[in-house]
Amino acid sequence: MKKLISLLLVTVLLLSAASALAQTKLTVWCWDPAFNIYAMEEAKKVYALINPDVEIEVIETLSADCETKQTAALSSGQTDTLPDIVLMQDNSGRRFLDTFPGAYFAMDGLVDYDNFATYKIDKFTSEGKRYAVPFDNGVAATFVRTDYLEAAGFTLADLTDITWDRFIEIGLKVKEATGQFMLVTQTGYADFVSMITQSADFWFFDEEGRPNINTNPAVRAMVEVIVKLHESGIVKEAVDWSEYIASFNNGSAASTIQGCWIIGSIVLAEDQAGKWGVTNIPRLDIESGTNYSSQGGSSWVVPASSKNAEVAVDFLSKTFGESVEFYQTILQSSGAIATYLPAAEGPAYAEPHPFFNGQKVFEDLMGYSAKVPLVKYGVYNYEARDEIVIAIEAIFNGTSIDDALNSAQSAIEFIME
């Protein structure tokens, strides 16, 4: 009888332990079903083979909401509302680490950072500790309907290595020939503010981190280009993200200039397969202007408040941090060009992409990535960008460029006091 009781007790203990493992659940906040969420769902499949006792729930959360919810929770101390893993824009990394010291789980010794691009690691490094698993490369490119170009007498080569003025000239002819907009972006041109400025090897701050807006030659040239685009009539200014995606999916816009992560949304329009091409972006007509830049890019962080922080880091490390096969899987479907360096040696990077008429787009994009100017980001990147967006709207409504940029300079200086 005693043996039976002992056996039952052992069985109960084993079942309890198994139950505890099965109850390990990670929650993840991230955005973009065609890119980040897709990648996370594929990562879940990889990790299920390694640790099947961990459940992972992905909660679609807009990028802005990820940041506002973290700010609210960390400011109030109500960190139990935070998930186990959050996707964070690279440009926000330093601000959150500096504003909320101790709020994130340091991953040193748990992730092999030697296999990642250095510039990505730096964005989430504070006082010598590293706080994120890098994800995607945000290299920017022009994604364009080649059939629309051909209707106006142009080829993809005609859109390569050009200035913004030439882009507008071609865009006017494409619109005349097809009746469609040459370009779509979101109202406010926020993405262009950052992307175009960086393409000329400038940023919104100087080397000492001070605001550099009203005397910045790249910012002025960028604003002048955006005003020309707005006045040209070739740009569809989408009111939100859904309209933005729909505009190239339904053919009402011939191109978008965006980070390479947009591929996941472009290929959703299966009827357009073979009708798209990829080339570099237009450049500012100033001495430092280049045809290369970055837009977006993000990394995975783990709040220190997570009760399963080590499991969360293990999941990220064994998927985004070491699985070449995983990156090969997500590359063709979503355009997720990795900053995990070994992934670039996989065969998928050199394969012709059928949607882009057999172009080796990932090989081309990796080439662009190597030429992107490396600028020194500040802590208040988004605040500076938003003040410039406000300035541009004022210019649209009649304010002079000088007055608008002076106002933006003063506003960001006040924010940083």
Protein backbone atom coordinates (compact mmCIF):
# COMPACT_ATOMS: atom_id res chain seq x y z
CA MET A 1 0.00 0.00 0.00
CA LYS A 2 2.84 2.37 0.92
CA LYS A 3 4.52 1.60 -2.40
CA LEU A 4 1.28 2.39 -4.22
CA ILE A 5 0.91 5.69 -2.39
CA SER A 6 4.54 6.58 -3.13
CA LEU A 7 4.03 5.74 -6.79
CA LEU A 8 0.93 7.90 -6.92
CA LEU A 9 2.76 10.79 -5.26
CA VAL A 10 5.61 10.56 -7.78
CA THR A 11 3.10 10.47 -10.62
CA VAL A 12 1.32 13.54 -9.27
CA LEU A 13 4.62 15.40 -8.92
CA LEU A 14 5.64 14.52 -12.47
CA LEU A 15 2.27 15.59 -13.83
CA SER A 16 2.48 18.84 -11.86
CA ALA A 17 5.92 19.56 -13.28
CA ALA A 18 4.73 18.83 -16.81
CA SER A 19 1.70 21.02 -16.23
CA ALA A 20 3.92 23.86 -15.03
CA LEU A 21 6.00 23.62 -18.18
CA ALA A 22 2.93 23.51 -20.36
CA GLN A 23 1.65 26.63 -18.64
CA THR A 24 4.71 28.71 -19.62
CA LYS A 25 3.20 31.33 -21.87
CA LEU A 26 4.87 34.21 -23.64
CA THR A 27 2.97 37.19 -24.99
CA VAL A 28 4.36 39.29 -27.82
CA TRP A 29 3.42 42.75 -29.03
CA CYS A 30 4.26 43.59 -32.64
CA TRP A 31 2.72 45.07 -35.78
CA ASP A 32 2.33 44.39 -39.54
CA PRO A 33 0.71 41.01 -40.29
CA ALA A 34 2.60 40.62 -43.58
CA PHE A 35 6.01 41.15 -42.02
CA ASN A 36 6.68 41.18 -38.27
CA ILE A 37 3.70 39.09 -37.22
CA TYR A 38 4.36 36.63 -40.03
CA ALA A 39 8.00 36.32 -38.91
CA MET A 40 6.97 35.77 -35.31
CA GLU A 41 4.49 33.07 -36.30
CA GLU A 42 7.23 31.29 -38.24
CA ALA A 43 9.58 31.65 -35.27
CA LYS A 44 6.95 29.97 -33.10
CA LYS A 45 7.05 26.94 -35.39
CA VAL A 46 10.83 26.72 -35.10
CA TYR A 47 10.80 27.00 -31.31
CA ALA A 48 7.98 24.48 -30.93
CA LEU A 49 10.44 21.82 -32.13
CA ILE A 50 12.94 22.93 -29.48
CA ASN A 51 10.64 23.58 -26.54
CA PRO A 52 7.09 22.40 -27.24
CA ASP A 53 5.97 23.26 -23.71
CA VAL A 54 6.03 27.00 -24.30
CA GLU A 55 2.93 28.71 -25.64
CA ILE A 56 3.44 31.97 -27.52
CA GLU A 57 0.63 34.44 -28.15
CA VAL A 58 1.18 37.20 -30.68
CA ILE A 59 -0.97 40.28 -30.13
CA GLU A 60 -1.14 42.68 -33.06
CA THR A 61 -0.23 46.10 -31.68
CA LEU A 62 0.51 49.19 -33.75
CA SER A 63 4.04 50.53 -33.47
CA ALA A 64 2.86 53.77 -31.88
CA ASP A 65 0.71 51.83 -29.41
CA CYS A 66 3.66 49.63 -28.45
CA GLU A 67 5.51 52.77 -27.43
CA THR A 68 2.67 54.62 -25.70
CA LYS A 69 1.65 51.52 -23.73
CA GLN A 70 5.22 50.93 -22.60
CA THR A 71 5.63 54.57 -21.64
CA ALA A 72 2.40 54.53 -19.63
CA ALA A 73 3.24 51.28 -17.84
CA LEU A 74 6.82 52.21 -17.03
CA SER A 75 5.91 55.75 -15.92
CA SER A 76 3.16 54.52 -13.60
CA GLY A 77 4.98 51.44 -12.33
CA GLN A 78 2.16 49.19 -13.56
CA THR A 79 4.51 46.91 -15.44
CA ASP A 80 2.29 43.86 -15.01
CA THR A 81 0.42 45.13 -18.09
CA LEU A 82 3.49 44.63 -20.29
CA PRO A 83 4.03 41.52 -22.43
CA ASP A 84 7.08 39.27 -22.36
CA ILE A 85 8.42 40.46 -25.71
CA VAL A 86 7.95 43.77 -27.52
CA LEU A 87 9.04 44.81 -30.99
CA MET A 88 10.60 48.26 -30.86
CA GLN A 89 11.62 50.64 -33.63
CA ASP A 90 15.39 51.02 -33.70
CA ASN A 91 15.16 54.80 -33.53
CA SER A 92 13.33 54.51 -30.21
CA GLY A 93 15.75 52.16 -28.50
CA ARG A 94 18.10 54.67 -26.93
CA ARG A 95 15.26 56.87 -25.70
CA PHE A 96 13.55 54.03 -23.80
CA LEU A 97 16.80 52.72 -22.34
CA ASP A 98 17.85 56.19 -21.16
CA THR A 99 14.42 57.24 -19.90
CA PHE A 100 13.65 53.99 -18.07
CA PRO A 101 16.92 52.52 -16.78
CA GLY A 102 16.48 48.96 -15.56
CA ALA A 103 13.19 48.51 -17.42
CA TYR A 104 14.54 45.96 -19.90
CA PHE A 105 16.25 42.61 -19.53
CA ALA A 106 19.95 42.59 -20.47
CA MET A 107 20.75 39.75 -22.87
CA ASP A 108 24.54 39.62 -22.63
CA GLY A 109 25.74 36.03 -22.40
CA LEU A 110 22.40 34.70 -23.65
CA VAL A 111 22.59 35.93 -27.26
CA ASP A 112 25.58 35.60 -29.59
CA TYR A 113 25.95 39.21 -30.70
CA ASP A 114 29.03 38.48 -32.80
CA ASN A 115 26.68 37.28 -35.54
CA PHE A 116 24.78 40.58 -35.87
CA ALA A 117 25.50 43.82 -37.70
CA THR A 118 27.23 46.19 -35.28
CA TYR A 119 25.08 49.21 -36.12
CA LYS A 120 21.96 47.34 -35.00
CA ILE A 121 23.45 46.25 -31.68
CA ASP A 122 24.53 49.80 -30.85
CA LYS A 123 20.97 51.10 -30.99
CA PHE A 124 19.99 49.02 -27.96
CA THR A 125 23.23 49.20 -25.97
CA SER A 126 23.42 51.23 -22.78
CA GLU A 127 26.33 51.42 -20.33
CA GLY A 128 27.95 48.44 -21.99
CA LYS A 129 24.92 46.16 -21.74
CA ARG A 130 22.85 44.93 -24.66
CA TYR A 131 19.08 44.81 -24.46
CA ALA A 132 17.66 43.53 -27.74
CA VAL A 133 17.77 40.81 -30.36
CA PRO A 134 18.12 42.64 -33.69
CA PHE A 135 15.63 41.81 -36.41
CA ASP A 136 15.29 43.37 -39.83
CA ASN A 137 17.34 45.55 -42.09
CA GLY A 138 15.37 48.66 -43.08
CA VAL A 139 17.29 49.44 -46.28
CA ALA A 140 15.15 51.69 -48.48
CA ALA A 141 14.37 51.20 -52.16
CA THR A 142 12.02 52.29 -54.92
CA PHE A 143 9.44 49.58 -55.61
CA VAL A 144 7.78 50.29 -58.94
CA ARG A 145 5.33 48.87 -61.46
CA THR A 146 7.51 48.27 -64.52
CA ASP A 147 4.46 47.94 -66.76
CA TYR A 148 3.46 51.50 -65.81
CA LEU A 149 6.98 52.70 -66.60
CA GLU A 150 6.88 50.97 -69.98
CA ALA A 151 3.53 52.58 -70.79
CA ALA A 152 5.28 55.95 -70.49
CA GLY A 153 8.34 54.83 -72.46
CA PHE A 154 10.67 54.14 -69.53
CA THR A 155 12.50 51.15 -68.07
CA LEU A 156 13.71 50.36 -64.57
CA ALA A 157 17.17 51.60 -65.60
CA ASP A 158 15.69 55.05 -66.24
CA LEU A 159 14.66 55.20 -62.58
CA THR A 160 18.07 54.14 -61.27
CA ASP A 161 20.69 56.54 -59.85
CA ILE A 162 18.52 59.60 -60.47
CA THR A 163 17.75 62.85 -58.63
CA TRP A 164 14.38 63.73 -57.15
CA ASP A 165 13.81 66.29 -59.89
CA ARG A 166 14.23 63.56 -62.51
CA PHE A 167 11.90 61.30 -60.54
CA ILE A 168 9.22 63.98 -60.68
CA GLU A 169 9.74 64.45 -64.44
CA ILE A 170 9.28 60.71 -65.03
CA GLY A 171 6.34 60.64 -62.64
CA LEU A 172 4.49 63.32 -64.58
CA LYS A 173 4.84 61.28 -67.78
CA VAL A 174 3.76 58.06 -66.06
CA LYS A 175 0.67 59.75 -64.68
CA GLU A 176 -0.12 61.19 -68.11
CA ALA A 177 0.28 57.77 -69.78
CA THR A 178 -1.55 55.65 -67.20
CA GLY A 179 -3.86 58.00 -65.36
CA GLN A 180 -2.40 56.71 -62.08
CA PHE A 181 -0.30 58.40 -59.42
CA MET A 182 3.44 57.84 -59.74
CA LEU A 183 3.95 57.48 -55.99
CA VAL A 184 2.05 56.83 -52.79
CA THR A 185 3.05 57.82 -49.28
CA GLN A 186 1.16 58.70 -46.14
CA THR A 187 -0.10 62.21 -45.50
CA GLY A 188 2.57 64.27 -43.80
CA TYR A 189 5.50 62.59 -45.59
CA ALA A 190 6.93 61.50 -42.21
CA ASP A 191 8.76 58.51 -43.69
CA PHE A 192 10.36 60.72 -46.32
CA VAL A 193 11.59 63.24 -43.75
CA SER A 194 13.88 60.68 -42.14
CA MET A 195 14.74 58.65 -45.23
CA ILE A 196 15.73 61.55 -47.49
CA THR A 197 17.71 63.35 -44.79
CA GLN A 198 19.78 60.25 -44.03
CA SER A 199 20.40 59.62 -47.73
CA ALA A 200 22.55 62.78 -47.75
CA ASP A 201 24.59 61.68 -44.73
CA PHE A 202 22.86 64.06 -42.32
CA TRP A 203 20.49 63.63 -39.40
CA PHE A 204 18.39 65.94 -37.22
CA PHE A 205 21.17 66.33 -34.64
CA ASP A 206 24.84 67.20 -34.77
CA GLU A 207 27.67 65.04 -33.42
CA GLU A 208 27.11 66.40 -29.90
CA GLY A 209 23.41 65.52 -30.01
CA ARG A 210 22.18 69.10 -30.40
CA PRO A 211 19.25 69.83 -32.75
CA ASN A 212 20.42 70.61 -36.28
CA ILE A 213 17.37 71.54 -38.31
CA ASN A 214 17.24 75.16 -39.43
CA THR A 215 20.85 75.31 -40.68
CA ASN A 216 21.00 71.75 -41.96
CA PRO A 217 21.51 71.67 -45.77
CA ALA A 218 20.03 68.18 -46.13
CA VAL A 219 16.92 69.06 -44.13
CA ARG A 220 16.33 72.15 -46.25
CA ALA A 221 16.87 70.24 -49.51
CA MET A 222 14.60 67.45 -48.26
CA VAL A 223 11.83 69.92 -47.43
CA GLU A 224 12.16 71.53 -50.86
CA VAL A 225 11.80 68.10 -52.51
CA ILE A 226 8.71 67.26 -50.46
CA VAL A 227 7.12 70.58 -51.41
CA LYS A 228 7.82 69.83 -55.09
CA LEU A 229 6.33 66.34 -54.76
CA HIS A 230 3.24 67.74 -53.07
CA GLU A 231 2.74 70.44 -55.69
CA SER A 232 3.49 68.17 -58.68
CA GLY A 233 0.29 66.14 -58.37
CA ILE A 234 2.10 62.82 -58.89
CA VAL A 235 1.77 61.68 -55.27
CA LYS A 236 -1.21 60.00 -53.69
CA GLU A 237 -1.18 61.06 -50.04
CA ALA A 238 -2.88 58.21 -48.17
CA VAL A 239 -4.71 59.15 -44.99
CA ASP A 240 -3.73 55.98 -43.13
CA TRP A 241 -1.75 52.76 -43.40
CA SER A 242 -4.64 50.76 -44.86
CA GLU A 243 -5.13 53.23 -47.71
CA TYR A 244 -1.39 53.34 -48.27
CA ILE A 245 -1.17 49.55 -48.76
CA ALA A 246 -4.35 49.48 -50.85
CA SER A 247 -3.00 52.13 -53.22
CA PHE A 248 -0.29 49.91 -54.68
CA ASN A 249 -2.22 46.69 -54.22
CA ASN A 250 -5.11 48.01 -56.32
CA GLY A 251 -2.88 49.66 -58.93
CA SER A 252 -3.79 53.28 -58.23
CA ALA A 253 -0.13 54.14 -57.57
CA ALA A 254 2.85 53.12 -59.67
CA SER A 255 5.42 53.01 -56.89
CA THR A 256 6.30 53.35 -53.26
CA ILE A 257 9.65 54.34 -51.77
CA GLN A 258 10.01 52.52 -48.51
CA GLY A 259 12.05 50.15 -46.36
CA CYS A 260 12.48 46.68 -47.84
CA TRP A 261 10.03 45.27 -45.30
CA ILE A 262 7.23 46.61 -47.52
CA ILE A 263 7.78 43.64 -49.86
CA GLY A 264 5.51 41.53 -47.67
CA SER A 265 2.63 43.89 -48.44
CA ILE A 266 3.43 44.37 -52.13
CA VAL A 267 3.36 40.65 -52.94
CA LEU A 268 -0.15 40.33 -51.51
CA ALA A 269 -1.44 41.44 -54.94
CA GLU A 270 -0.80 38.10 -56.64
CA ASP A 271 -2.31 39.30 -59.93
CA GLN A 272 0.58 41.79 -60.25
CA ALA A 273 3.32 39.12 -60.21
CA GLY A 274 6.01 39.88 -62.77
CA LYS A 275 4.99 43.53 -63.03
CA TRP A 276 7.23 44.97 -60.31
CA GLY A 277 10.87 45.99 -60.13
CA VAL A 278 13.21 47.34 -57.45
CA THR A 279 15.85 50.03 -57.70
CA ASN A 280 17.60 52.53 -55.45
CA ILE A 281 15.96 55.73 -54.24
CA PRO A 282 16.27 59.21 -55.79
CA ARG A 283 18.97 61.44 -54.31
CA LEU A 284 19.09 65.04 -53.17
CA ASP A 285 20.91 67.30 -55.60
CA ILE A 286 23.50 68.39 -53.05
CA GLU A 287 27.17 67.44 -52.67
CA SER A 288 26.57 64.73 -50.06
CA GLY A 289 23.49 63.28 -51.75
CA THR A 290 23.37 59.51 -52.32
CA ASN A 291 20.78 57.08 -53.70
CA TYR A 292 20.76 55.01 -50.52
CA SER A 293 19.05 55.21 -47.16
CA SER A 294 17.21 53.31 -44.48
CA GLN A 295 13.61 53.43 -43.35
CA GLY A 296 12.47 51.56 -40.29
CA GLY A 297 14.12 48.51 -38.87
CA SER A 298 13.29 47.09 -35.47
CA SER A 299 14.49 44.80 -32.69
CA TRP A 300 12.96 42.57 -30.02
CA VAL A 301 13.19 43.63 -26.36
CA VAL A 302 12.12 41.85 -23.18
CA PRO A 303 10.71 43.97 -20.32
CA ALA A 304 12.49 43.26 -17.04
CA SER A 305 9.07 42.82 -15.46
CA SER A 306 8.46 39.61 -17.42
CA LYS A 307 8.13 36.56 -15.17
CA ASN A 308 9.44 34.46 -18.05
CA ALA A 309 12.26 36.73 -19.20
CA GLU A 310 14.88 34.00 -19.57
CA VAL A 311 12.47 31.82 -21.56
CA ALA A 312 11.63 34.82 -23.75
CA VAL A 313 15.31 35.47 -24.46
CA ASP A 314 15.91 31.77 -25.13
CA PHE A 315 13.09 31.81 -27.68
CA LEU A 316 14.48 34.90 -29.40
CA SER A 317 18.03 33.58 -29.33
CA LYS A 318 17.20 30.20 -30.85
CA THR A 319 15.07 31.69 -33.63
CA PHE A 320 15.97 35.27 -34.59
CA GLY A 321 19.42 34.78 -33.06
CA GLU A 322 20.69 31.59 -34.64
CA SER A 323 18.39 29.92 -37.19
CA VAL A 324 19.59 30.45 -40.76
CA GLU A 325 16.80 28.19 -41.99
CA PHE A 326 14.22 30.42 -40.30
CA TYR A 327 15.54 33.50 -42.10
CA GLN A 328 15.52 31.67 -45.43
CA THR A 329 11.85 30.84 -44.87
CA ILE A 330 10.71 34.37 -44.11
CA LEU A 331 12.87 36.07 -46.74
CA GLN A 332 11.00 35.16 -49.91
CA SER A 333 7.53 35.71 -48.43
CA SER A 334 8.07 38.93 -46.54
CA GLY A 335 11.34 40.48 -47.69
CA ALA A 336 12.74 40.23 -44.17
CA ILE A 337 16.38 40.94 -44.89
CA ALA A 338 18.22 39.95 -41.76
CA THR A 339 20.86 41.75 -39.76
CA TYR A 340 21.81 38.25 -38.57
CA LEU A 341 24.92 37.99 -40.73
CA PRO A 342 25.07 34.20 -41.36
CA ALA A 343 21.61 34.36 -42.96
CA ALA A 344 23.00 36.30 -45.92
CA GLU A 345 24.95 33.21 -46.97
CA GLY A 346 21.78 31.18 -47.46
CA PRO A 347 20.67 30.35 -51.01
CA ALA A 348 17.45 32.38 -50.85
CA TYR A 349 19.36 35.67 -51.09
CA ALA A 350 20.63 34.86 -54.58
CA GLU A 351 17.40 33.42 -55.94
CA PRO A 352 15.45 35.30 -58.64
CA HIS A 353 12.15 36.54 -57.23
CA PRO A 354 9.21 35.56 -59.47
CA PHE A 355 7.02 38.43 -58.28
CA PHE A 356 9.70 40.90 -59.37
CA ASN A 357 10.07 39.37 -62.84
CA GLY A 358 13.03 37.23 -61.87
CA GLN A 359 15.07 40.09 -60.43
CA LYS A 360 17.47 39.06 -57.66
CA VAL A 361 15.96 41.66 -55.39
CA PHE A 362 17.49 40.51 -52.12
CA GLU A 363 20.97 40.48 -53.58
CA ASP A 364 20.35 44.01 -54.89
CA LEU A 365 18.96 45.20 -51.57
CA MET A 366 21.95 43.82 -49.69
CA GLY A 367 24.12 45.82 -52.08
CA TYR A 368 22.15 48.98 -51.31
CA SER A 369 22.44 48.28 -47.59
CA ALA A 370 26.22 48.43 -47.73
CA LYS A 371 26.02 51.97 -49.15
CA VAL A 372 23.58 53.53 -46.66
CA PRO A 373 25.15 56.53 -44.87
CA LEU A 374 25.69 55.74 -41.19
CA VAL A 375 24.37 58.69 -39.22
CA LYS A 376 24.43 59.24 -35.47
CA TYR A 377 20.88 58.98 -34.18
CA GLY A 378 19.78 61.03 -31.21
CA VAL A 379 17.41 60.29 -28.35
CA TYR A 380 14.60 62.50 -29.69
CA ASN A 381 14.49 61.18 -33.26
CA TYR A 382 10.73 60.94 -33.59
CA GLU A 383 10.10 64.23 -31.82
CA ALA A 384 12.43 65.99 -34.26
CA ARG A 385 10.85 64.27 -37.24
CA ASP A 386 7.36 65.21 -36.06
CA GLU A 387 8.32 68.87 -35.65
CA ILE A 388 9.63 68.87 -39.22
CA VAL A 389 6.37 67.30 -40.41
CA ILE A 390 4.51 70.16 -38.70
CA ALA A 391 6.85 72.62 -40.42
CA ILE A 392 6.17 71.05 -43.82
CA GLU A 393 2.42 71.32 -43.31
CA ALA A 394 2.90 75.00 -42.44
CA ILE A 395 4.91 75.47 -45.65
CA PHE A 396 2.10 73.84 -47.64
CA ASN A 397 -0.17 76.50 -46.14
CA GLY A 398 2.04 79.46 -47.03
CA THR A 399 4.70 79.75 -44.31
CA SER A 400 8.22 80.34 -45.62
CA ILE A 401 10.74 77.51 -45.36
CA ASP A 402 13.00 79.66 -43.16
CA ASP A 403 10.24 80.50 -40.69
CA ALA A 404 8.94 76.93 -40.58
CA LEU A 405 12.36 75.38 -39.96
CA ASN A 406 13.19 78.00 -37.34
CA SER A 407 9.98 77.06 -35.54
CA ALA A 408 10.88 73.37 -35.74
CA GLN A 409 14.35 74.10 -34.35
CA SER A 410 12.90 76.05 -31.43
CA ALA A 411 10.30 73.39 -30.71
CA ILE A 412 12.76 70.52 -30.47
CA GLU A 413 15.15 72.63 -28.38
CA PHE A 414 12.28 73.26 -25.95
CA ILE A 415 11.42 69.54 -25.83
CA MET A 416 15.04 68.69 -25.03
CA GLU A 417 15.42 71.24 -22.21
